[in-house]
């Protein structure tokens, strides 16, 4: 029953559009709705899972969940790396 790994078909277009969309959703939540920064990774994960399951990989639930976590991780990584780069620049 669970002896095989799911086959996940992904391409570069997923990363080109999904990560920036998740990043924009997170930034909109922060700037427009004043969401505290401790909730940003949760918002990114929920948004990425919704995008991945219902848009990118609507035929394969396992692939949608798998790639959704990657999309959210990439978006949050971009957000926090830009923040840390800015803080390092201001400190020097």
PDB file of N, CA and C in Angstrom:
ATOM      1  N   UNK A   1       0.812  -1.181   0.000  1.00  0.00           N
ATOM      2  CA  UNK A   1       0.000   0.000   0.000  1.00  0.00           C
ATOM      3  C   UNK A   1       0.865   1.258   0.000  1.00  0.00           C
ATOM      4  N   UNK A   2       1.734   1.413   0.979  1.00  0.00           N
ATOM      5  CA  UNK A   2       2.607   2.584   1.040  1.00  0.00           C
ATOM      6  C   UNK A   2       4.053   2.200   0.736  1.00  0.00           C
ATOM      7  N   UNK A   3       4.246   1.366  -0.249  1.00  0.00           N
ATOM      8  CA  UNK A   3       5.588   0.910  -0.555  1.00  0.00           C
ATOM      9  C   UNK A   3       6.302   1.776  -1.576  1.00  0.00           C
ATOM     10  N   UNK A   4       5.577   2.655  -2.266  1.00  0.00           N
ATOM     11  CA  UNK A   4       6.207   3.487  -3.276  1.00  0.00           C
ATOM     12  C   UNK A   4       6.118   4.957  -2.890  1.00  0.00           C
ATOM     13  N   UNK A   5       7.145   5.683  -3.266  1.00  0.00           N
ATOM     14  CA  UNK A   5       7.123   7.126  -3.072  1.00  0.00           C
ATOM     15  C   UNK A   5       6.272   7.759  -4.164  1.00  0.00           C
ATOM     16  N   UNK A   6       5.607   8.887  -3.858  1.00  0.00           N
ATOM     17  CA  UNK A   6       4.801   9.518  -4.908  1.00  0.00           C
ATOM     18  C   UNK A   6       5.702  10.137  -5.974  1.00  0.00           C
ATOM     19  N   UNK A   7       5.253  10.107  -7.184  1.00  0.00           N
ATOM     20  CA  UNK A   7       5.979  10.756  -8.269  1.00  0.00           C
ATOM     21  C   UNK A   7       5.524  12.208  -8.312  1.00  0.00           C
ATOM     22  N   UNK A   8       6.464  13.105  -8.186  1.00  0.00           N
ATOM     23  CA  UNK A   8       6.152  14.520  -8.138  1.00  0.00           C
ATOM     24  C   UNK A   8       6.716  15.166  -9.396  1.00  0.00           C
ATOM     25  N   UNK A   9       5.825  15.639 -10.236  1.00  0.00           N
ATOM     26  CA  UNK A   9       6.230  16.327 -11.447  1.00  0.00           C
ATOM     27  C   UNK A   9       6.200  17.818 -11.166  1.00  0.00           C
ATOM     28  N   UNK A  10       7.350  18.426 -11.162  1.00  0.00           N
ATOM     29  CA  UNK A  10       7.439  19.861 -10.938  1.00  0.00           C
ATOM     30  C   UNK A  10       8.386  20.442 -11.970  1.00  0.00           C
ATOM     31  N   UNK A  11       8.300  21.701 -12.161  1.00  0.00           N
ATOM     32  CA  UNK A  11       9.191  22.354 -13.096  1.00  0.00           C
ATOM     33  C   UNK A  11       9.590  23.714 -12.548  1.00  0.00           C
ATOM     34  N   UNK A  12      10.368  24.425 -13.315  1.00  0.00           N
ATOM     35  CA  UNK A  12      10.875  25.708 -12.866  1.00  0.00           C
ATOM     36  C   UNK A  12       9.763  26.743 -12.718  1.00  0.00           C
ATOM     37  N   UNK A  13       8.692  26.613 -13.479  1.00  0.00           N
ATOM     38  CA  UNK A  13       7.605  27.585 -13.409  1.00  0.00           C
ATOM     39  C   UNK A  13       6.945  27.597 -12.042  1.00  0.00           C
ATOM     40  N   UNK A  14       6.909  26.447 -11.383  1.00  0.00           N
ATOM     41  CA  UNK A  14       6.345  26.426 -10.032  1.00  0.00           C
ATOM     42  C   UNK A  14       7.125  27.363  -9.116  1.00  0.00           C
ATOM     43  N   UNK A  15       8.437  27.276  -9.175  1.00  0.00           N
ATOM     44  CA  UNK A  15       9.265  28.114  -8.307  1.00  0.00           C
ATOM     45  C   UNK A  15       9.258  29.565  -8.751  1.00  0.00           C
ATOM     46  N   UNK A  16       9.090  29.813 -10.034  1.00  0.00           N
ATOM     47  CA  UNK A  16       9.118  31.189 -10.530  1.00  0.00           C
ATOM     48  C   UNK A  16       7.858  31.952 -10.137  1.00  0.00           C
ATOM     49  N   UNK A  17       6.713  31.290 -10.118  1.00  0.00           N
ATOM     50  CA  UNK A  17       5.492  32.032  -9.773  1.00  0.00           C
ATOM     51  C   UNK A  17       5.023  31.754  -8.346  1.00  0.00           C
ATOM     52  N   UNK A  18       5.222  30.561  -7.818  1.00  0.00           N
ATOM     53  CA  UNK A  18       4.645  30.218  -6.519  1.00  0.00           C
ATOM     54  C   UNK A  18       5.352  30.925  -5.366  1.00  0.00           C
ATOM     55  N   UNK A  19       6.652  30.947  -5.373  1.00  0.00           N
ATOM     56  CA  UNK A  19       7.377  31.563  -4.266  1.00  0.00           C
ATOM     57  C   UNK A  19       7.120  33.074  -4.191  1.00  0.00           C
ATOM     58  N   UNK A  20       7.180  33.811  -5.309  1.00  0.00           N
ATOM     59  CA  UNK A  20       6.842  35.240  -5.202  1.00  0.00           C
ATOM     60  C   UNK A  20       5.388  35.504  -4.784  1.00  0.00           C
ATOM     61  N   UNK A  21       4.458  34.660  -5.213  1.00  0.00           N
ATOM     62  CA  UNK A  21       3.058  34.847  -4.809  1.00  0.00           C
ATOM     63  C   UNK A  21       2.922  34.640  -3.298  1.00  0.00           C
ATOM     64  N   UNK A  22       3.545  33.610  -2.780  1.00  0.00           N
ATOM     65  CA  UNK A  22       3.505  33.371  -1.326  1.00  0.00           C
ATOM     66  C   UNK A  22       4.176  34.526  -0.588  1.00  0.00           C
ATOM     67  N   UNK A  23       5.281  35.011  -1.119  1.00  0.00           N
ATOM     68  CA  UNK A  23       5.977  36.137  -0.502  1.00  0.00           C
ATOM     69  C   UNK A  23       5.096  37.386  -0.492  1.00  0.00           C
ATOM     70  N   UNK A  24       4.391  37.639  -1.580  1.00  0.00           N
ATOM     71  CA  UNK A  24       3.484  38.790  -1.621  1.00  0.00           C
ATOM     72  C   UNK A  24       2.324  38.645  -0.641  1.00  0.00           C
ATOM     73  N   UNK A  25       1.802  37.441  -0.498  1.00  0.00           N
ATOM     74  CA  UNK A  25       0.729  37.204   0.464  1.00  0.00           C
ATOM     75  C   UNK A  25       1.214  37.469   1.888  1.00  0.00           C
ATOM     76  N   UNK A  26       2.412  37.019   2.196  1.00  0.00           N
ATOM     77  CA  UNK A  26       2.974  37.226   3.534  1.00  0.00           C
ATOM     78  C   UNK A  26       3.212  38.713   3.788  1.00  0.00           C
ATOM     79  N   UNK A  27       3.774  39.397   2.808  1.00  0.00           N
ATOM     80  CA  UNK A  27       4.025  40.828   2.988  1.00  0.00           C
ATOM     81  C   UNK A  27       2.730  41.622   3.089  1.00  0.00           C
ATOM     82  N   UNK A  28       1.718  41.231   2.325  1.00  0.00           N
ATOM     83  CA  UNK A  28       0.414  41.896   2.426  1.00  0.00           C
ATOM     84  C   UNK A  28      -0.199  41.671   3.805  1.00  0.00           C
ATOM     85  N   UNK A  29      -0.065  40.466   4.336  1.00  0.00           N
ATOM     86  CA  UNK A  29      -0.586  40.188   5.675  1.00  0.00           C
ATOM     87  C   UNK A  29       0.123  41.033   6.719  1.00  0.00           C
ATOM     88  N   UNK A  30       1.416  41.225   6.524  1.00  0.00           N
ATOM     89  CA  UNK A  30       2.177  42.005   7.497  1.00  0.00           C
ATOM     90  C   UNK A  30       1.868  43.498   7.383  1.00  0.00           C
ATOM     91  N   UNK A  31       1.886  44.039   6.187  1.00  0.00           N
ATOM     92  CA  UNK A  31       1.727  45.480   6.013  1.00  0.00           C
ATOM     93  C   UNK A  31       0.274  45.938   6.062  1.00  0.00           C
ATOM     94  N   UNK A  32      -0.627  45.203   5.436  1.00  0.00           N
ATOM     95  CA  UNK A  32      -2.012  45.646   5.364  1.00  0.00           C
ATOM     96  C   UNK A  32      -2.821  45.289   6.606  1.00  0.00           C
ATOM     97  N   UNK A  33      -2.562  44.105   7.154  1.00  0.00           N
ATOM     98  CA  UNK A  33      -3.370  43.635   8.274  1.00  0.00           C
ATOM     99  C   UNK A  33      -2.640  43.673   9.606  1.00  0.00           C
ATOM    100  N   UNK A  34      -1.371  44.057   9.600  1.00  0.00           N
ATOM    101  CA  UNK A  34      -0.617  44.194  10.839  1.00  0.00           C
ATOM    102  C   UNK A  34      -0.394  42.893  11.584  1.00  0.00           C
ATOM    103  N   UNK A  35      -0.235  41.809  10.863  1.00  0.00           N
ATOM    104  CA  UNK A  35       0.000  40.511  11.495  1.00  0.00           C
ATOM    105  C   UNK A  35       1.367  40.533  12.172  1.00  0.00           C
ATOM    106  N   UNK A  36       1.424  40.018  13.376  1.00  0.00           N
ATOM    107  CA  UNK A  36       2.689  39.959  14.118  1.00  0.00           C
ATOM    108  C   UNK A  36       3.665  39.044  13.393  1.00  0.00           C
ATOM    109  N   UNK A  37       4.943  39.360  13.467  1.00  0.00           N
ATOM    110  CA  UNK A  37       5.948  38.615  12.700  1.00  0.00           C
ATOM    111  C   UNK A  37       6.081  37.156  13.129  1.00  0.00           C
ATOM    112  N   UNK A  38       5.627  36.816  14.319  1.00  0.00           N
ATOM    113  CA  UNK A  38       5.695  35.412  14.742  1.00  0.00           C
ATOM    114  C   UNK A  38       4.706  34.533  13.970  1.00  0.00           C
ATOM    115  N   UNK A  39       3.707  35.123  13.335  1.00  0.00           N
ATOM    116  CA  UNK A  39       2.717  34.370  12.570  1.00  0.00           C
ATOM    117  C   UNK A  39       3.041  34.290  11.080  1.00  0.00           C
ATOM    118  N   UNK A  40       4.099  34.940  10.634  1.00  0.00           N
ATOM    119  CA  UNK A  40       4.375  35.005   9.198  1.00  0.00           C
ATOM    120  C   UNK A  40       4.694  33.642   8.585  1.00  0.00           C
ATOM    121  N   UNK A  41       5.427  32.811   9.290  1.00  0.00           N
ATOM    122  CA  UNK A  41       5.736  31.493   8.722  1.00  0.00           C
ATOM    123  C   UNK A  41       4.487  30.618   8.649  1.00  0.00           C
ATOM    124  N   UNK A  42       3.570  30.782   9.584  1.00  0.00           N
ATOM    125  CA  UNK A  42       2.309  30.042   9.523  1.00  0.00           C
ATOM    126  C   UNK A  42       1.474  30.492   8.334  1.00  0.00           C
ATOM    127  N   UNK A  43       1.404  31.795   8.121  1.00  0.00           N
ATOM    128  CA  UNK A  43       0.669  32.324   6.971  1.00  0.00           C
ATOM    129  C   UNK A  43       1.301  31.859   5.673  1.00  0.00           C
ATOM    130  N   UNK A  44       2.629  31.857   5.618  1.00  0.00           N
ATOM    131  CA  UNK A  44       3.316  31.389   4.411  1.00  0.00           C
ATOM    132  C   UNK A  44       3.039  29.920   4.148  1.00  0.00           C
ATOM    133  N   UNK A  45       3.037  29.112   5.180  1.00  0.00           N
ATOM    134  CA  UNK A  45       2.780  27.689   5.007  1.00  0.00           C
ATOM    135  C   UNK A  45       1.355  27.430   4.539  1.00  0.00           C
ATOM    136  N   UNK A  46       0.392  28.095   5.144  1.00  0.00           N
ATOM    137  CA  UNK A  46      -1.007  27.907   4.738  1.00  0.00           C
ATOM    138  C   UNK A  46      -1.222  28.384   3.307  1.00  0.00           C
ATOM    139  N   UNK A  47      -0.687  29.558   2.967  1.00  0.00           N
ATOM    140  CA  UNK A  47      -0.843  30.085   1.608  1.00  0.00           C
ATOM    141  C   UNK A  47      -0.166  29.184   0.585  1.00  0.00           C
ATOM    142  N   UNK A  48       1.021  28.712   0.901  1.00  0.00           N
ATOM    143  CA  UNK A  48       1.745  27.847  -0.036  1.00  0.00           C
ATOM    144  C   UNK A  48       1.042  26.507  -0.220  1.00  0.00           C
ATOM    145  N   UNK A  49       0.505  25.947   0.859  1.00  0.00           N
ATOM    146  CA  UNK A  49      -0.220  24.685   0.730  1.00  0.00           C
ATOM    147  C   UNK A  49      -1.485  24.857  -0.109  1.00  0.00           C
ATOM    148  N   UNK A  50      -2.192  25.960   0.088  1.00  0.00           N
ATOM    149  CA  UNK A  50      -3.395  26.204  -0.710  1.00  0.00           C
ATOM    150  C   UNK A  50      -3.040  26.360  -2.180  1.00  0.00           C
ATOM    151  N   UNK A  51      -2.014  27.164  -2.472  1.00  0.00           N
ATOM    152  CA  UNK A  51      -1.594  27.345  -3.867  1.00  0.00           C
ATOM    153  C   UNK A  51      -1.116  26.042  -4.492  1.00  0.00           C
ATOM    154  N   UNK A  52      -0.346  25.304  -3.744  1.00  0.00           N
ATOM    155  CA  UNK A  52       0.224  24.084  -4.292  1.00  0.00           C
ATOM    156  C   UNK A  52      -0.817  22.987  -4.483  1.00  0.00           C
ATOM    157  N   UNK A  53      -1.691  22.807  -3.510  1.00  0.00           N
ATOM    158  CA  UNK A  53      -2.683  21.730  -3.594  1.00  0.00           C
ATOM    159  C   UNK A  53      -3.765  22.041  -4.620  1.00  0.00           C
ATOM    160  N   UNK A  54      -4.234  23.286  -4.642  1.00  0.00           N
ATOM    161  CA  UNK A  54      -5.371  23.605  -5.499  1.00  0.00           C
ATOM    162  C   UNK A  54      -5.014  24.177  -6.865  1.00  0.00           C
ATOM    163  N   UNK A  55      -3.771  24.624  -7.061  1.00  0.00           N
ATOM    164  CA  UNK A  55      -3.401  25.208  -8.351  1.00  0.00           C
ATOM    165  C   UNK A  55      -2.271  24.428  -9.019  1.00  0.00           C
ATOM    166  N   UNK A  56      -1.136  24.300  -8.353  1.00  0.00           N
ATOM    167  CA  UNK A  56       0.027  23.682  -8.995  1.00  0.00           C
ATOM    168  C   UNK A  56      -0.124  22.180  -9.205  1.00  0.00           C
ATOM    169  N   UNK A  57      -0.553  21.479  -8.167  1.00  0.00           N
ATOM    170  CA  UNK A  57      -0.583  20.012  -8.196  1.00  0.00           C
ATOM    171  C   UNK A  57      -1.975  19.513  -7.823  1.00  0.00           C
ATOM    172  N   UNK A  58      -2.976  19.959  -8.537  1.00  0.00           N
ATOM    173  CA  UNK A  58      -4.343  19.596  -8.169  1.00  0.00           C
ATOM    174  C   UNK A  58      -4.685  18.140  -8.457  1.00  0.00           C
ATOM    175  N   UNK A  59      -3.847  17.445  -9.212  1.00  0.00           N
ATOM    176  CA  UNK A  59      -4.111  16.036  -9.502  1.00  0.00           C
ATOM    177  C   UNK A  59      -3.459  15.084  -8.507  1.00  0.00           C
ATOM    178  N   UNK A  60      -2.554  15.588  -7.676  1.00  0.00           N
ATOM    179  CA  UNK A  60      -1.785  14.725  -6.795  1.00  0.00           C
ATOM    180  C   UNK A  60      -1.657  15.403  -5.423  1.00  0.00           C
ATOM    181  N   UNK A  61      -2.398  14.913  -4.451  1.00  0.00           N
ATOM    182  CA  UNK A  61      -2.401  15.519  -3.118  1.00  0.00           C
ATOM    183  C   UNK A  61      -1.035  15.428  -2.451  1.00  0.00           C
ATOM    184  N   UNK A  62      -0.378  14.297  -2.570  1.00  0.00           N
ATOM    185  CA  UNK A  62       0.936  14.139  -1.935  1.00  0.00           C
ATOM    186  C   UNK A  62       1.944  15.132  -2.508  1.00  0.00           C
ATOM    187  N   UNK A  63       1.925  15.308  -3.803  1.00  0.00           N
ATOM    188  CA  UNK A  63       2.831  16.273  -4.432  1.00  0.00           C
ATOM    189  C   UNK A  63       2.479  17.695  -4.008  1.00  0.00           C
ATOM    190  N   UNK A  64       1.187  17.997  -3.893  1.00  0.00           N
ATOM    191  CA  UNK A  64       0.773  19.321  -3.474  1.00  0.00           C
ATOM    192  C   UNK A  64       1.239  19.660  -2.072  1.00  0.00           C
ATOM    193  N   UNK A  65       1.114  18.722  -1.171  1.00  0.00           N
ATOM    194  CA  UNK A  65       1.564  18.944   0.206  1.00  0.00           C
ATOM    195  C   UNK A  65       3.081  19.056   0.258  1.00  0.00           C
ATOM    196  N   UNK A  66       3.755  18.163  -0.430  1.00  0.00           N
ATOM    197  CA  UNK A  66       5.218  18.142  -0.453  1.00  0.00           C
ATOM    198  C   UNK A  66       5.780  19.455  -0.983  1.00  0.00           C
ATOM    199  N   UNK A  67       5.289  19.895  -2.133  1.00  0.00           N
ATOM    200  CA  UNK A  67       5.808  21.116  -2.749  1.00  0.00           C
ATOM    201  C   UNK A  67       5.343  22.369  -2.006  1.00  0.00           C
ATOM    202  N   UNK A  68       4.178  22.315  -1.365  1.00  0.00           N
ATOM    203  CA  UNK A  68       3.710  23.465  -0.597  1.00  0.00           C
ATOM    204  C   UNK A  68       4.661  23.831   0.534  1.00  0.00           C
ATOM    205  N   UNK A  69       5.200  22.828   1.194  1.00  0.00           N
ATOM    206  CA  UNK A  69       6.161  23.109   2.255  1.00  0.00           C
ATOM    207  C   UNK A  69       7.445  23.708   1.691  1.00  0.00           C
ATOM    208  N   UNK A  70       7.850  23.290   0.514  1.00  0.00           N
ATOM    209  CA  UNK A  70       9.032  23.883  -0.108  1.00  0.00           C
ATOM    210  C   UNK A  70       8.779  25.331  -0.518  1.00  0.00           C
ATOM    211  N   UNK A  71       7.604  25.616  -1.055  1.00  0.00           N
ATOM    212  CA  UNK A  71       7.275  26.987  -1.438  1.00  0.00           C
ATOM    213  C   UNK A  71       7.290  27.902  -0.221  1.00  0.00           C
ATOM    214  N   UNK A  72       6.700  27.454   0.872  1.00  0.00           N
ATOM    215  CA  UNK A  72       6.660  28.308   2.058  1.00  0.00           C
ATOM    216  C   UNK A  72       8.047  28.497   2.648  1.00  0.00           C
ATOM    217  N   UNK A  73       8.835  27.459   2.647  1.00  0.00           N
ATOM    218  CA  UNK A  73      10.201  27.588   3.157  1.00  0.00           C
ATOM    219  C   UNK A  73      11.044  28.544   2.332  1.00  0.00           C
ATOM    220  N   UNK A  74      10.879  28.486   1.026  1.00  0.00           N
ATOM    221  CA  UNK A  74      11.622  29.393   0.152  1.00  0.00           C
ATOM    222  C   UNK A  74      11.182  30.837   0.358  1.00  0.00           C
ATOM    223  N   UNK A  75       9.886  31.062   0.472  1.00  0.00           N
ATOM    224  CA  UNK A  75       9.385  32.429   0.658  1.00  0.00           C
ATOM    225  C   UNK A  75       9.844  33.015   1.986  1.00  0.00           C
ATOM    226  N   UNK A  76       9.759  32.245   3.047  1.00  0.00           N
ATOM    227  CA  UNK A  76      10.191  32.735   4.357  1.00  0.00           C
ATOM    228  C   UNK A  76      11.699  32.919   4.379  1.00  0.00           C
ATOM    229  N   UNK A  77      12.428  32.039   3.707  1.00  0.00           N
ATOM    230  CA  UNK A  77      13.882  32.195   3.618  1.00  0.00           C
ATOM    231  C   UNK A  77      14.276  33.480   2.923  1.00  0.00           C
ATOM    232  N   UNK A  78      13.589  33.815   1.854  1.00  0.00           N
ATOM    233  CA  UNK A  78      13.853  35.074   1.149  1.00  0.00           C
ATOM    234  C   UNK A  78      13.547  36.262   2.057  1.00  0.00           C
ATOM    235  N   UNK A  79      12.420  36.214   2.721  1.00  0.00           N
ATOM    236  CA  UNK A  79      12.011  37.320   3.588  1.00  0.00           C
ATOM    237  C   UNK A  79      13.019  37.552   4.708  1.00  0.00           C
ATOM    238  N   UNK A  80      13.407  36.509   5.404  1.00  0.00           N
ATOM    239  CA  UNK A  80      14.320  36.673   6.530  1.00  0.00           C
ATOM    240  C   UNK A  80      15.747  36.953   6.091  1.00  0.00           C
ATOM    241  N   UNK A  81      16.165  36.450   4.943  1.00  0.00           N
ATOM    242  CA  UNK A  81      17.521  36.755   4.487  1.00  0.00           C
ATOM    243  C   UNK A  81      17.633  38.213   4.060  1.00  0.00           C
ATOM    244  N   UNK A  82      16.585  38.748   3.429  1.00  0.00           N
ATOM    245  CA  UNK A  82      16.591  40.174   3.088  1.00  0.00           C
ATOM    246  C   UNK A  82      16.598  41.022   4.359  1.00  0.00           C
ATOM    247  N   UNK A  83      15.825  40.613   5.354  1.00  0.00           N
ATOM    248  CA  UNK A  83      15.790  41.345   6.616  1.00  0.00           C
ATOM    249  C   UNK A  83      17.164  41.353   7.284  1.00  0.00           C
ATOM    250  N   UNK A  84      17.815  40.197   7.344  1.00  0.00           N
ATOM    251  CA  UNK A  84      19.130  40.122   7.984  1.00  0.00           C
ATOM    252  C   UNK A  84      20.195  40.869   7.193  1.00  0.00           C
ATOM    253  N   UNK A  85      20.098  40.841   5.874  1.00  0.00           N
ATOM    254  CA  UNK A  85      21.043  41.599   5.051  1.00  0.00           C
ATOM    255  C   UNK A  85      20.878  43.091   5.295  1.00  0.00           C
ATOM    256  N   UNK A  86      19.641  43.544   5.395  1.00  0.00           N
ATOM    257  CA  UNK A  86      19.375  44.949   5.672  1.00  0.00           C
ATOM    258  C   UNK A  86      19.911  45.344   7.049  1.00  0.00           C
ATOM    259  N   UNK A  87      19.664  44.504   8.042  1.00  0.00           N
ATOM    260  CA  UNK A  87      20.158  44.820   9.387  1.00  0.00           C
ATOM    261  C   UNK A  87      21.687  44.837   9.437  1.00  0.00           C
ATOM    262  N   UNK A  88      22.340  43.929   8.720  1.00  0.00           N
ATOM    263  CA  UNK A  88      23.797  43.921   8.666  1.00  0.00           C
ATOM    264  C   UNK A  88      24.333  45.158   7.955  1.00  0.00           C
ATOM    265  N   UNK A  89      23.635  45.573   6.907  1.00  0.00           N
ATOM    266  CA  UNK A  89      24.031  46.779   6.191  1.00  0.00           C
ATOM    267  C   UNK A  89      23.895  48.008   7.086  1.00  0.00           C
ATOM    268  N   UNK A  90      22.816  48.089   7.831  1.00  0.00           N
ATOM    269  CA  UNK A  90      22.608  49.241   8.713  1.00  0.00           C
ATOM    270  C   UNK A  90      23.612  49.262   9.871  1.00  0.00           C
ATOM    271  N   UNK A  91      24.069  48.087  10.293  1.00  0.00           N
ATOM    272  CA  UNK A  91      25.004  48.010  11.417  1.00  0.00           C
ATOM    273  C   UNK A  91      26.425  48.398  11.009  1.00  0.00           C
ATOM    274  N   UNK A  92      26.739  48.283   9.736  1.00  0.00           N
ATOM    275  CA  UNK A  92      28.117  48.585   9.315  1.00  0.00           C
ATOM    276  C   UNK A  92      28.324  50.046   9.002  1.00  0.00           C
TER     277      UNK A  92
END
